[in-house]
Amino acid sequence: MTTTDNVVGFPSAEEERARRLKVEVERLASLPPVEWMLYLDDTAKKYGIEPAKLKAMIEATIKAAEKKAREDKAEDRQRDRDQQRTSERQQRASERQQQREQQRADREARERQRARDRELAALSKLPRAEHEPRLAALAERLGEDLQFLRDEFAQFVSEEEPSSEDGYVEPWPEPVNTKVLLTEVMKQLRRYVVLHDDNAAVAIVLYVPFAWVHDAVAVHSPLLVFTSAEADTGKTTLCGVLQRLTPRAYAAAELTGPNLYRFVDHLHPTLIIDDADRLLERKPDLMHIINVSWTRGTMIPRQVHGATRWFSPFCPKVVAGVNLLLPKTTLTRAIPIKLLPKLPDEEVEAFKHVDDEDFTTLRRKLTRWATDNAAARPAMPGLNNRMAMNWELLLAIAELAGGDWPKRARAAAVKLGRERREPSENKRLLARFRELFTKHGAELTSADVQRWLTADQDGEWADFRGRGPISQRQIALLLDPYDIHPDVIHPSGRKADRGYKVEWFTTAFKHFLGKPPTRNRTTVRKRGQRK
């Protein structure tokens, strides 16, 4: 074989023309019909072919391309359906596997719970002295928290064996007059405690029957808060007296959040928390649970042996502490009582923190009264929002008593409602703006506002948060929650100062400050009058 046998010859002229014609047909077929029709005659002439034949070739190429596109699209759809069916099969298989695992976990959890119940039942039959070491050993063996196991064991024992501490009180055999009952509670209270403010005494006395109807009718549960500037003002004595006048009362020490909601959910007590000034500072979660427990129906979910259980923290609560500084969100849910130390010439009986016949009789009467009386809903002039909700049932009890009790109760509500901490920085600044608008007109520039606020060198704005005079930006940030923002106040004039207009404050003034205090007309100068 010669070398020329391996050489590929050049295509003939006819083959090359056919190839170029095919390429040109494919190019024209890719163009819009209007466009390739324009090139049809010239292209046919160039390749020596009839226009009709060239047109037929182009149309055949277009149809072949469309058919190919349809087939490709059908293949893509089929591929997507196959992938979706595969994914669905995998998902169903995964769900079946998860279901089998969950069923197996549930069976194991039930078996563990039955085993725990058998161990707790056996432990409950042992002497009390053996409970703690056995619980510690059980917690270590199970790898669980000892305190949690203690709580569970206490609940198990209370459910298995009826307790003598279930709070049952035999009702008084005869109907009880509300006014007489309140008078007797007041007498018992003042027997051991000196209360210098009659409004405080009225609030405390009304809180006692409120605690007895709390579980049946209360929607909101105000805190009864005792505080004082110093120790030794009778807070602990007052808590002890209330412990013997209210239903299922417990004085709790060193509470935690879980302790509180588990204990309250189980016993529905009247909970008394003394020395709370230090406790609440150390345990902010406890403060949060006390806040949410103001409203009936707020529940706390926890996982107990693989199942979700909902705990209710709703019960009457008494909180006491020295210089007790509660958050504003808590103060709006509270009836605050400030106590003063007893003077040397003021004498009361020494309270020994033991029960007696007088307390027993009062509890029996309160039980009968709570059975016989459904608290009405009184009108509450001058009260709104949480203040009205805090006092609603207490005022209803006062109206049932009649006489001067309704008047005294409303006076106490108004007086004690004012004894809250000062307004927020935002609200204080809002009040200052109302003063500035009254004095300087309906438009204030930001620069003027800053100058007027910081003019008083002893005022809070001259040394804002201990960091020097308040800035225009800080003023704007304090007003931001009210949707008030500085803007150009006279754009059409020569000046383009940024500042505030009084109409921007209308809603905030109305809803957060209320009506301005009435001023003596003789001290108000008429507009334009000179000094």
Protein backbone atom coordinates (compact mmCIF):
# COMPACT_ATOMS: atom_id res chain seq x y z
CA MET A 1 0.00 0.00 0.00
CA THR A 2 1.31 3.38 -1.03
CA THR A 3 1.31 6.50 1.12
CA THR A 4 -1.24 8.12 -1.12
CA ASP A 5 -3.83 5.57 0.04
CA ASN A 6 -3.87 7.24 3.54
CA VAL A 7 -4.51 10.76 2.24
CA VAL A 8 -8.11 12.06 2.53
CA GLY A 9 -9.00 14.00 -0.55
CA PHE A 10 -10.56 17.46 -0.60
CA PRO A 11 -14.37 17.51 -0.89
CA SER A 12 -15.70 18.15 -4.32
CA ALA A 13 -17.27 21.44 -5.25
CA GLU A 14 -20.78 19.91 -5.10
CA GLU A 15 -20.21 18.52 -1.60
CA GLU A 16 -18.85 21.84 -0.36
CA ARG A 17 -21.79 23.75 -1.87
CA ALA A 18 -24.26 21.29 -0.26
CA ARG A 19 -22.54 21.70 3.12
CA ARG A 20 -22.61 25.49 2.91
CA LEU A 21 -26.25 25.41 1.82
CA LYS A 22 -27.14 23.28 4.84
CA VAL A 23 -25.36 25.69 7.20
CA GLU A 24 -27.13 28.64 5.60
CA VAL A 25 -30.53 26.89 5.85
CA GLU A 26 -29.95 26.25 9.58
CA ARG A 27 -28.92 29.88 10.06
CA LEU A 28 -31.99 31.20 8.27
CA ALA A 29 -34.24 28.76 10.18
CA SER A 30 -33.03 30.31 13.45
CA LEU A 31 -34.24 33.78 12.36
CA PRO A 32 -37.80 35.13 12.66
CA PRO A 33 -39.95 34.33 9.58
CA VAL A 34 -40.15 37.98 8.53
CA GLU A 35 -36.38 38.23 8.50
CA TRP A 36 -35.46 34.98 6.66
CA MET A 37 -38.12 35.67 3.99
CA LEU A 38 -36.17 38.84 3.08
CA TYR A 39 -33.04 36.79 2.38
CA LEU A 40 -34.84 33.98 0.56
CA ASP A 41 -34.43 35.09 -3.11
CA ASP A 42 -30.82 36.25 -2.77
CA THR A 43 -29.81 33.06 -0.95
CA ALA A 44 -31.56 30.85 -3.55
CA LYS A 45 -29.81 32.70 -6.37
CA LYS A 46 -26.45 32.42 -4.56
CA TYR A 47 -26.69 28.64 -4.24
CA GLY A 48 -28.43 28.07 -7.59
CA ILE A 49 -31.61 26.69 -6.12
CA GLU A 50 -35.27 27.51 -6.59
CA PRO A 51 -36.68 29.87 -3.92
CA ALA A 52 -39.61 27.49 -3.35
CA LYS A 53 -37.24 24.61 -2.68
CA LEU A 54 -35.11 26.74 -0.35
CA LYS A 55 -38.26 27.81 1.50
CA ALA A 56 -39.31 24.17 1.86
CA MET A 57 -35.86 23.28 3.25
CA ILE A 58 -36.02 26.12 5.80
CA GLU A 59 -39.55 25.19 6.93
CA ALA A 60 -38.54 21.53 7.23
CA THR A 61 -35.55 22.53 9.35
CA ILE A 62 -37.79 24.73 11.57
CA LYS A 63 -40.26 21.85 12.07
CA ALA A 64 -37.44 19.45 12.90
CA ALA A 65 -36.06 21.91 15.47
CA GLU A 66 -39.53 22.42 17.03
CA LYS A 67 -40.06 18.66 17.20
CA LYS A 68 -36.67 18.24 18.86
CA ALA A 69 -37.52 20.97 21.37
CA ARG A 70 -40.84 19.27 22.19
CA GLU A 71 -39.14 15.95 22.67
CA ASP A 72 -36.47 17.52 24.90
CA LYS A 73 -39.16 19.27 26.97
CA ALA A 74 -41.12 16.03 27.32
CA GLU A 75 -37.97 14.25 28.45
CA ASP A 76 -37.32 17.01 31.00
CA ARG A 77 -40.89 16.73 32.34
CA GLN A 78 -40.58 12.97 32.59
CA ARG A 79 -37.24 13.33 34.34
CA ASP A 80 -38.78 15.81 36.82
CA ARG A 81 -41.71 13.46 37.49
CA ASP A 82 -39.32 10.59 38.08
CA GLN A 83 -37.26 12.68 40.47
CA GLN A 84 -40.40 13.84 42.31
CA ARG A 85 -41.69 10.25 42.65
CA THR A 86 -38.27 9.19 43.93
CA SER A 87 -38.23 12.07 46.42
CA GLU A 88 -41.77 11.27 47.62
CA ARG A 89 -40.85 7.60 48.09
CA GLN A 90 -37.78 8.62 50.08
CA GLN A 91 -39.83 11.06 52.19
CA ARG A 92 -42.49 8.42 52.93
CA ALA A 93 -39.79 5.95 53.86
CA SER A 94 -38.18 8.57 56.15
CA GLU A 95 -41.54 9.37 57.79
CA ARG A 96 -42.24 5.67 58.37
CA GLN A 97 -38.79 5.31 59.91
CA GLN A 98 -39.34 8.34 62.15
CA GLN A 99 -42.75 7.02 63.18
CA ARG A 100 -41.27 3.66 64.08
CA GLU A 101 -38.51 5.38 66.06
CA GLN A 102 -41.04 7.63 67.84
CA GLN A 103 -43.21 4.65 68.72
CA ARG A 104 -40.17 2.82 70.04
CA ALA A 105 -39.13 5.92 72.04
CA ASP A 106 -42.68 6.25 73.44
CA ARG A 107 -42.70 2.62 74.50
CA GLU A 108 -39.32 3.05 76.16
CA ALA A 109 -40.49 6.27 77.87
CA ARG A 110 -43.62 4.49 79.18
CA GLU A 111 -41.52 1.62 80.43
CA ARG A 112 -39.11 4.03 82.14
CA GLN A 113 -42.01 5.94 83.70
CA ARG A 114 -43.59 2.73 85.00
CA ALA A 115 -40.24 1.73 86.44
CA ARG A 116 -39.84 5.20 88.03
CA ASP A 117 -43.34 5.00 89.49
CA ARG A 118 -42.57 1.60 91.00
CA GLU A 119 -39.37 2.95 92.54
CA LEU A 120 -41.09 6.10 93.84
CA ALA A 121 -43.94 4.01 95.25
CA ALA A 122 -41.45 1.79 97.05
CA LEU A 123 -39.56 4.84 98.29
CA SER A 124 -42.75 6.48 99.62
CA LYS A 125 -43.30 3.49 101.94
CA LEU A 126 -39.90 3.97 103.58
CA PRO A 127 -39.33 6.20 106.63
CA ARG A 128 -38.92 9.90 105.80
CA ALA A 129 -35.30 9.85 107.00
CA GLU A 130 -34.44 7.51 104.13
CA HIS A 131 -36.10 9.57 101.40
CA GLU A 132 -33.30 12.04 100.70
CA PRO A 133 -30.36 9.58 100.40
CA ARG A 134 -32.48 7.20 98.31
CA LEU A 135 -33.53 10.07 96.03
CA ALA A 136 -29.90 11.16 95.62
CA ALA A 137 -28.86 7.61 94.68
CA LEU A 138 -31.80 7.28 92.26
CA ALA A 139 -30.98 10.62 90.59
CA GLU A 140 -27.34 9.56 90.11
CA ARG A 141 -28.35 6.17 88.70
CA LEU A 142 -30.88 7.71 86.29
CA GLY A 143 -28.62 10.63 85.38
CA GLU A 144 -31.32 13.18 86.30
CA ASP A 145 -31.39 16.43 88.25
CA LEU A 146 -31.87 15.78 91.96
CA GLN A 147 -34.14 18.80 92.51
CA PHE A 148 -36.37 17.73 89.63
CA LEU A 149 -36.63 14.25 91.13
CA ARG A 150 -37.45 15.74 94.53
CA ASP A 151 -40.30 17.77 93.00
CA GLU A 152 -41.60 14.71 91.14
CA PHE A 153 -41.48 12.59 94.28
CA ALA A 154 -43.31 15.25 96.30
CA GLN A 155 -46.03 15.42 93.66
CA PHE A 156 -46.21 11.61 93.48
CA VAL A 157 -46.66 11.33 97.24
CA SER A 158 -49.34 14.07 97.31
CA GLU A 159 -51.29 12.30 94.55
CA GLU A 160 -50.97 8.86 96.10
CA GLU A 161 -51.81 9.86 99.67
CA PRO A 162 -54.40 12.53 100.60
CA SER A 163 -52.61 15.25 102.54
CA SER A 164 -53.87 16.94 105.65
CA GLU A 165 -52.47 20.16 104.19
CA ASP A 166 -54.93 20.30 101.28
CA GLY A 167 -56.29 23.61 102.53
CA TYR A 168 -59.75 22.35 103.46
CA VAL A 169 -61.56 24.64 105.88
CA GLU A 170 -64.94 23.78 107.36
CA PRO A 171 -67.35 26.58 106.39
CA TRP A 172 -69.05 28.72 109.02
CA PRO A 173 -72.56 27.31 109.62
CA GLU A 174 -74.40 30.61 109.01
CA PRO A 175 -74.29 33.26 106.24
CA VAL A 176 -71.67 35.94 106.81
CA ASN A 177 -72.31 39.68 106.39
CA THR A 178 -69.61 41.22 104.17
CA LYS A 179 -69.32 44.47 106.14
CA VAL A 180 -69.03 42.66 109.46
CA LEU A 181 -66.46 40.27 107.98
CA LEU A 182 -64.25 43.10 106.68
CA THR A 183 -64.46 44.83 110.05
CA GLU A 184 -63.35 41.65 111.83
CA VAL A 185 -60.46 41.14 109.39
CA MET A 186 -59.39 44.77 109.93
CA LYS A 187 -59.49 44.26 113.71
CA GLN A 188 -57.37 41.10 113.49
CA LEU A 189 -54.90 42.86 111.19
CA ARG A 190 -54.46 45.88 113.45
CA ARG A 191 -54.15 43.57 116.44
CA TYR A 192 -50.61 42.71 115.34
CA VAL A 193 -49.57 45.36 112.79
CA VAL A 194 -49.41 49.16 112.91
CA LEU A 195 -50.61 50.58 109.58
CA HIS A 196 -50.18 54.34 109.40
CA ASP A 197 -52.06 54.73 106.12
CA ASP A 198 -55.78 53.89 106.19
CA ASN A 199 -55.70 53.38 102.40
CA ALA A 200 -53.09 50.65 102.82
CA ALA A 201 -55.16 48.98 105.55
CA VAL A 202 -58.27 49.01 103.33
CA ALA A 203 -56.37 47.48 100.41
CA ILE A 204 -54.90 44.69 102.57
CA VAL A 205 -58.26 43.86 104.18
CA LEU A 206 -60.00 43.70 100.79
CA TYR A 207 -57.24 41.48 99.44
CA VAL A 208 -58.05 38.79 102.02
CA PRO A 209 -61.57 37.90 100.71
CA PHE A 210 -60.28 38.46 97.17
CA ALA A 211 -57.84 35.58 97.73
CA TRP A 212 -60.75 33.33 98.73
CA VAL A 213 -62.69 33.92 95.48
CA HIS A 214 -59.56 34.14 93.31
CA ASP A 215 -59.70 30.62 91.86
CA ALA A 216 -63.40 30.89 91.03
CA VAL A 217 -63.80 34.33 89.46
CA ALA A 218 -60.51 36.26 89.11
CA VAL A 219 -59.31 37.07 85.60
CA HIS A 220 -56.39 39.21 86.77
CA SER A 221 -54.29 38.59 89.85
CA PRO A 222 -52.65 41.75 91.23
CA LEU A 223 -49.57 41.40 93.39
CA LEU A 224 -49.88 42.73 96.91
CA VAL A 225 -46.47 44.35 97.45
CA PHE A 226 -45.06 45.43 100.83
CA THR A 227 -41.93 47.57 100.84
CA SER A 228 -40.17 50.04 103.10
CA ALA A 229 -37.08 52.20 103.15
CA GLU A 230 -35.53 50.22 106.04
CA ALA A 231 -35.87 46.88 107.77
CA ASP A 232 -37.97 46.24 110.91
CA THR A 233 -41.19 47.85 109.68
CA GLY A 234 -43.51 44.86 110.17
CA LYS A 235 -43.31 43.26 106.72
CA THR A 236 -42.64 39.76 107.99
CA THR A 237 -45.32 40.08 110.67
CA LEU A 238 -47.81 41.30 108.08
CA CYS A 239 -46.94 38.36 105.81
CA GLY A 240 -47.45 35.98 108.74
CA VAL A 241 -50.87 37.42 109.55
CA LEU A 242 -51.96 37.12 105.92
CA GLN A 243 -50.65 33.55 105.82
CA ARG A 244 -53.26 32.67 108.45
CA LEU A 245 -56.09 34.62 106.82
CA THR A 246 -55.82 33.44 103.19
CA PRO A 247 -56.56 30.02 101.62
CA ARG A 248 -53.80 27.39 101.29
CA ALA A 249 -51.19 30.00 102.16
CA TYR A 250 -47.50 29.13 101.91
CA ALA A 251 -44.57 31.36 102.80
CA ALA A 252 -41.88 30.38 100.29
CA ALA A 253 -38.15 30.99 100.56
CA GLU A 254 -35.45 30.73 97.86
CA LEU A 255 -37.98 30.16 95.09
CA THR A 256 -36.94 29.38 91.54
CA GLY A 257 -39.02 29.73 88.40
CA PRO A 258 -39.66 25.95 88.08
CA ASN A 259 -40.45 25.72 91.82
CA LEU A 260 -43.05 28.43 91.46
CA TYR A 261 -45.05 27.23 88.47
CA ARG A 262 -44.94 23.54 89.46
CA PHE A 263 -45.97 24.28 93.04
CA VAL A 264 -48.72 26.73 92.06
CA ASP A 265 -50.10 24.42 89.37
CA HIS A 266 -50.33 21.59 91.91
CA LEU A 267 -51.72 23.34 95.01
CA HIS A 268 -53.22 26.68 93.81
CA PRO A 269 -51.99 28.40 96.97
CA THR A 270 -51.81 31.94 98.22
CA LEU A 271 -48.08 32.43 97.71
CA ILE A 272 -46.19 34.71 100.11
CA ILE A 273 -42.64 35.73 99.15
CA ASP A 274 -40.76 37.62 101.86
CA ASP A 275 -37.24 39.10 101.51
CA ALA A 276 -37.93 39.41 97.79
CA ASP A 277 -35.58 42.37 97.32
CA ARG A 278 -32.57 40.06 97.11
CA LEU A 279 -34.34 37.06 95.63
CA LEU A 280 -35.73 38.81 92.54
CA GLU A 281 -32.41 40.52 91.78
CA ARG A 282 -30.72 37.12 91.61
CA LYS A 283 -33.45 35.31 89.66
CA PRO A 284 -34.84 37.35 86.77
CA ASP A 285 -36.69 34.30 85.40
CA LEU A 286 -38.76 34.30 88.59
CA MET A 287 -39.70 37.93 87.97
CA HIS A 288 -40.81 37.10 84.42
CA ILE A 289 -43.03 34.24 85.61
CA ILE A 290 -44.60 36.49 88.27
CA ASN A 291 -45.38 39.05 85.54
CA VAL A 292 -47.07 36.60 83.18
CA SER A 293 -49.04 35.03 86.05
CA TRP A 294 -51.05 38.27 86.36
CA THR A 295 -53.53 36.97 83.77
CA ARG A 296 -55.52 33.75 84.04
CA GLY A 297 -54.79 31.27 81.25
CA THR A 298 -51.11 32.08 80.66
CA MET A 299 -49.43 28.68 80.79
CA ILE A 300 -45.81 27.54 80.88
CA PRO A 301 -44.95 24.49 78.70
CA ARG A 302 -42.33 22.00 79.83
CA GLN A 303 -41.27 18.56 78.59
CA VAL A 304 -41.93 15.91 81.24
CA HIS A 305 -40.72 12.41 80.30
CA GLY A 306 -41.04 13.06 76.57
CA ALA A 307 -44.51 14.68 76.76
CA THR A 308 -45.43 18.37 76.86
CA ARG A 309 -47.12 19.46 80.08
CA TRP A 310 -48.59 22.92 80.64
CA PHE A 311 -48.21 24.53 84.08
CA SER A 312 -50.34 27.40 85.42
CA PRO A 313 -48.63 30.00 87.69
CA PHE A 314 -51.95 31.83 88.39
CA CYS A 315 -52.56 32.41 92.11
CA PRO A 316 -52.73 35.29 94.66
CA LYS A 317 -49.22 36.47 95.48
CA VAL A 318 -47.85 38.67 98.27
CA VAL A 319 -44.32 40.03 97.77
CA ALA A 320 -42.34 41.87 100.46
CA GLY A 321 -38.87 43.38 100.63
CA VAL A 322 -36.78 46.30 101.86
CA ASN A 323 -36.59 49.10 99.28
CA LEU A 324 -38.07 46.69 96.77
CA LEU A 325 -37.48 48.16 93.29
CA LEU A 326 -39.74 46.30 90.90
CA PRO A 327 -39.67 46.76 87.11
CA LYS A 328 -42.34 49.07 85.70
CA THR A 329 -44.00 46.14 83.98
CA THR A 330 -44.44 44.54 87.41
CA LEU A 331 -45.56 47.73 89.18
CA THR A 332 -48.49 48.09 86.78
CA ARG A 333 -49.61 44.65 87.95
CA ALA A 334 -49.26 45.46 91.66
CA ILE A 335 -50.99 47.13 94.59
CA PRO A 336 -48.00 48.74 96.34
CA ILE A 337 -48.05 49.27 100.13
CA LYS A 338 -45.28 51.33 101.78
CA LEU A 339 -44.75 50.53 105.45
CA LEU A 340 -43.30 52.75 108.17
CA PRO A 341 -41.65 51.65 111.43
CA LYS A 342 -43.75 51.61 114.57
CA LEU A 343 -43.32 54.58 116.89
CA PRO A 344 -42.34 54.01 120.54
CA ASP A 345 -45.83 54.92 121.79
CA GLU A 346 -47.61 52.64 119.31
CA GLU A 347 -48.34 49.25 120.83
CA VAL A 348 -49.66 46.02 119.28
CA GLU A 349 -49.66 42.40 120.39
CA ALA A 350 -46.56 40.36 119.66
CA PHE A 351 -47.26 38.00 116.77
CA LYS A 352 -45.86 34.53 117.46
CA HIS A 353 -46.50 33.10 113.97
CA VAL A 354 -48.84 30.43 115.33
CA ASP A 355 -52.48 29.71 114.59
CA ASP A 356 -55.22 30.37 117.11
CA GLU A 357 -58.98 30.24 117.48
CA ASP A 358 -59.47 33.77 116.10
CA PHE A 359 -57.68 32.96 112.85
CA THR A 360 -59.54 29.66 112.54
CA THR A 361 -62.90 31.37 113.00
CA LEU A 362 -62.09 34.03 110.42
CA ARG A 363 -61.01 31.39 107.89
CA ARG A 364 -64.27 29.51 108.40
CA LYS A 365 -66.26 32.71 107.90
CA LEU A 366 -64.26 33.62 104.81
CA THR A 367 -64.89 30.14 103.40
CA ARG A 368 -68.65 30.52 103.90
CA TRP A 369 -68.60 34.06 102.49
CA ALA A 370 -66.74 32.92 99.36
CA THR A 371 -69.30 30.14 98.85
CA ASP A 372 -72.28 32.48 99.17
CA ASN A 373 -71.07 35.54 97.24
CA ALA A 374 -70.24 35.96 93.59
CA ALA A 375 -68.24 39.15 93.10
CA ALA A 376 -70.07 41.73 91.01
CA ARG A 377 -68.35 44.05 88.51
CA PRO A 378 -68.49 47.63 89.84
CA ALA A 379 -68.19 50.91 87.96
CA MET A 380 -64.70 52.36 88.42
CA PRO A 381 -64.58 56.11 87.81
CA GLY A 382 -61.05 57.47 87.47
CA LEU A 383 -59.53 54.02 86.95
CA ASN A 384 -58.48 52.48 83.66
CA ASN A 385 -56.22 49.89 82.08
CA ARG A 386 -54.31 47.67 84.51
CA MET A 387 -55.19 49.78 87.52
CA ALA A 388 -58.89 49.03 86.97
CA MET A 389 -58.14 45.33 86.42
CA ASN A 390 -56.08 45.17 89.64
CA TRP A 391 -58.87 46.69 91.72
CA GLU A 392 -61.97 45.27 90.01
CA LEU A 393 -62.75 42.47 92.45
CA LEU A 394 -61.57 44.41 95.50
CA LEU A 395 -64.02 47.21 94.68
CA ALA A 396 -66.76 44.63 94.06
CA ILE A 397 -66.16 43.23 97.56
CA ALA A 398 -66.33 46.77 99.00
CA GLU A 399 -69.67 47.35 97.26
CA LEU A 400 -71.02 44.13 98.73
CA ALA A 401 -70.02 45.42 102.16
CA GLY A 402 -71.78 48.74 101.64
CA GLY A 403 -71.58 51.59 104.11
CA ASP A 404 -68.41 53.65 103.70
CA TRP A 405 -66.42 50.72 102.29
CA PRO A 406 -66.96 51.60 98.59
CA LYS A 407 -65.78 55.16 99.18
CA ARG A 408 -62.77 54.03 101.20
CA ALA A 409 -61.87 51.39 98.62
CA ARG A 410 -61.94 53.87 95.72
CA ALA A 411 -59.87 56.35 97.69
CA ALA A 412 -57.32 53.62 98.39
CA ALA A 413 -57.24 52.60 94.72
CA VAL A 414 -56.57 56.15 93.56
CA LYS A 415 -54.05 56.91 96.32
CA LEU A 416 -52.04 53.69 96.02
CA GLY A 417 -52.22 53.81 92.23
CA ARG A 418 -50.29 57.07 92.27
CA GLU A 419 -47.54 55.66 94.46
CA ARG A 420 -45.61 54.10 91.62
CA ARG A 421 -42.15 54.92 90.41
CA GLU A 422 -41.60 58.00 88.31
CA PRO A 423 -42.43 57.91 84.60
CA SER A 424 -39.92 56.76 82.00
CA GLU A 425 -37.35 59.12 80.46
CA ASN A 426 -39.46 59.14 77.30
CA LYS A 427 -42.59 60.21 79.17
CA ARG A 428 -40.73 62.85 81.20
CA LEU A 429 -39.34 64.34 77.99
CA LEU A 430 -42.84 64.28 76.44
CA ALA A 431 -44.18 66.25 79.42
CA ARG A 432 -41.32 68.75 79.09
CA PHE A 433 -42.21 69.25 75.42
CA ARG A 434 -45.79 70.10 76.37
CA GLU A 435 -44.45 72.76 78.71
CA LEU A 436 -42.17 74.17 75.99
CA PHE A 437 -44.99 74.33 73.42
CA THR A 438 -47.20 76.11 75.96
CA LYS A 439 -44.48 78.65 76.71
CA HIS A 440 -42.78 79.18 73.32
CA GLY A 441 -45.38 78.50 70.66
CA ALA A 442 -46.42 75.77 68.24
CA GLU A 443 -43.04 75.32 66.50
CA LEU A 444 -39.74 74.57 68.23
CA THR A 445 -36.36 74.13 66.57
CA SER A 446 -34.18 71.24 67.69
CA ALA A 447 -31.43 73.66 68.71
CA ASP A 448 -33.82 75.72 70.87
CA VAL A 449 -35.24 72.59 72.50
CA GLN A 450 -31.76 71.37 73.41
CA ARG A 451 -30.83 74.82 74.79
CA TRP A 452 -34.00 75.08 76.92
CA LEU A 453 -33.71 71.53 78.25
CA THR A 454 -30.10 71.97 79.35
CA ALA A 455 -30.52 75.48 80.75
CA ASP A 456 -31.17 74.12 84.24
CA GLN A 457 -27.75 72.93 85.32
CA ASP A 458 -29.30 70.80 88.09
CA GLY A 459 -31.86 69.16 85.79
CA GLU A 460 -31.60 65.64 84.41
CA TRP A 461 -31.21 66.86 80.82
CA ALA A 462 -28.11 68.96 81.65
CA ASP A 463 -26.28 65.78 82.69
CA PHE A 464 -28.17 63.13 80.78
CA ARG A 465 -27.40 59.68 82.19
CA GLY A 466 -24.23 61.14 83.76
CA ARG A 467 -22.63 61.84 80.35
CA GLY A 468 -23.13 65.55 79.83
CA PRO A 469 -25.92 67.59 78.20
CA ILE A 470 -28.50 65.70 76.17
CA SER A 471 -27.90 65.93 72.42
CA GLN A 472 -30.41 66.62 69.65
CA ARG A 473 -30.02 63.02 68.49
CA GLN A 474 -30.75 61.67 71.98
CA ILE A 475 -33.87 63.85 72.11
CA ALA A 476 -35.01 62.40 68.79
CA LEU A 477 -34.35 58.83 69.97
CA LEU A 478 -36.46 59.34 73.11
CA LEU A 479 -39.36 60.60 70.97
CA ASP A 480 -39.02 57.84 68.38
CA PRO A 481 -41.31 55.33 70.22
CA TYR A 482 -44.13 57.89 69.88
CA ASP A 483 -43.54 58.11 66.09
CA ILE A 484 -42.39 61.72 66.48
CA HIS A 485 -39.33 62.72 64.44
CA PRO A 486 -37.61 66.07 63.82
CA ASP A 487 -38.18 67.59 60.40
CA VAL A 488 -37.95 70.93 58.55
CA ILE A 489 -40.52 73.15 60.24
CA HIS A 490 -40.61 76.19 57.85
CA PRO A 491 -39.42 75.06 54.43
CA SER A 492 -41.07 77.95 52.56
CA GLY A 493 -39.23 80.65 54.50
CA ARG A 494 -35.65 81.79 54.36
CA LYS A 495 -34.67 79.46 57.16
CA ALA A 496 -34.84 75.68 56.91
CA ASP A 497 -34.52 74.78 60.60
CA ARG A 498 -35.25 71.27 61.75
CA GLY A 499 -37.49 70.89 64.74
CA TYR A 500 -40.93 69.94 65.99
CA LYS A 501 -44.52 71.08 65.54
CA VAL A 502 -47.12 70.77 68.26
CA GLU A 503 -49.60 68.94 66.00
CA TRP A 504 -47.13 66.05 65.70
CA PHE A 505 -47.54 65.49 69.46
CA THR A 506 -51.35 65.48 69.61
CA THR A 507 -51.78 61.71 69.84
CA ALA A 508 -48.87 61.21 72.27
CA PHE A 509 -50.04 64.03 74.56
CA LYS A 510 -53.58 62.67 74.61
CA HIS A 511 -52.80 59.01 75.25
CA PHE A 512 -49.66 59.19 77.39
CA LEU A 513 -50.04 62.43 79.37
CA GLY A 514 -53.78 62.98 79.50
CA LYS A 515 -55.23 66.41 80.10
CA PRO A 516 -52.76 69.08 81.22
CA PRO A 517 -53.13 70.29 84.80
CA THR A 518 -55.49 73.24 85.23
CA ARG A 519 -53.60 76.50 85.70
CA ASN A 520 -54.76 79.44 87.76
CA ARG A 521 -56.13 81.97 85.29
CA THR A 522 -54.74 84.89 87.26
CA THR A 523 -51.21 83.64 86.65
CA VAL A 524 -51.59 83.22 82.90
CA ARG A 525 -50.78 86.28 80.79
CA LYS A 526 -52.79 86.90 77.68
CA ARG A 527 -51.02 86.52 74.37
CA GLY A 528 -49.13 89.72 73.55
CA GLN A 529 -49.44 91.15 77.11
CA ARG A 530 -46.18 92.59 78.40
CA LYS A 531 -44.74 91.94 81.82
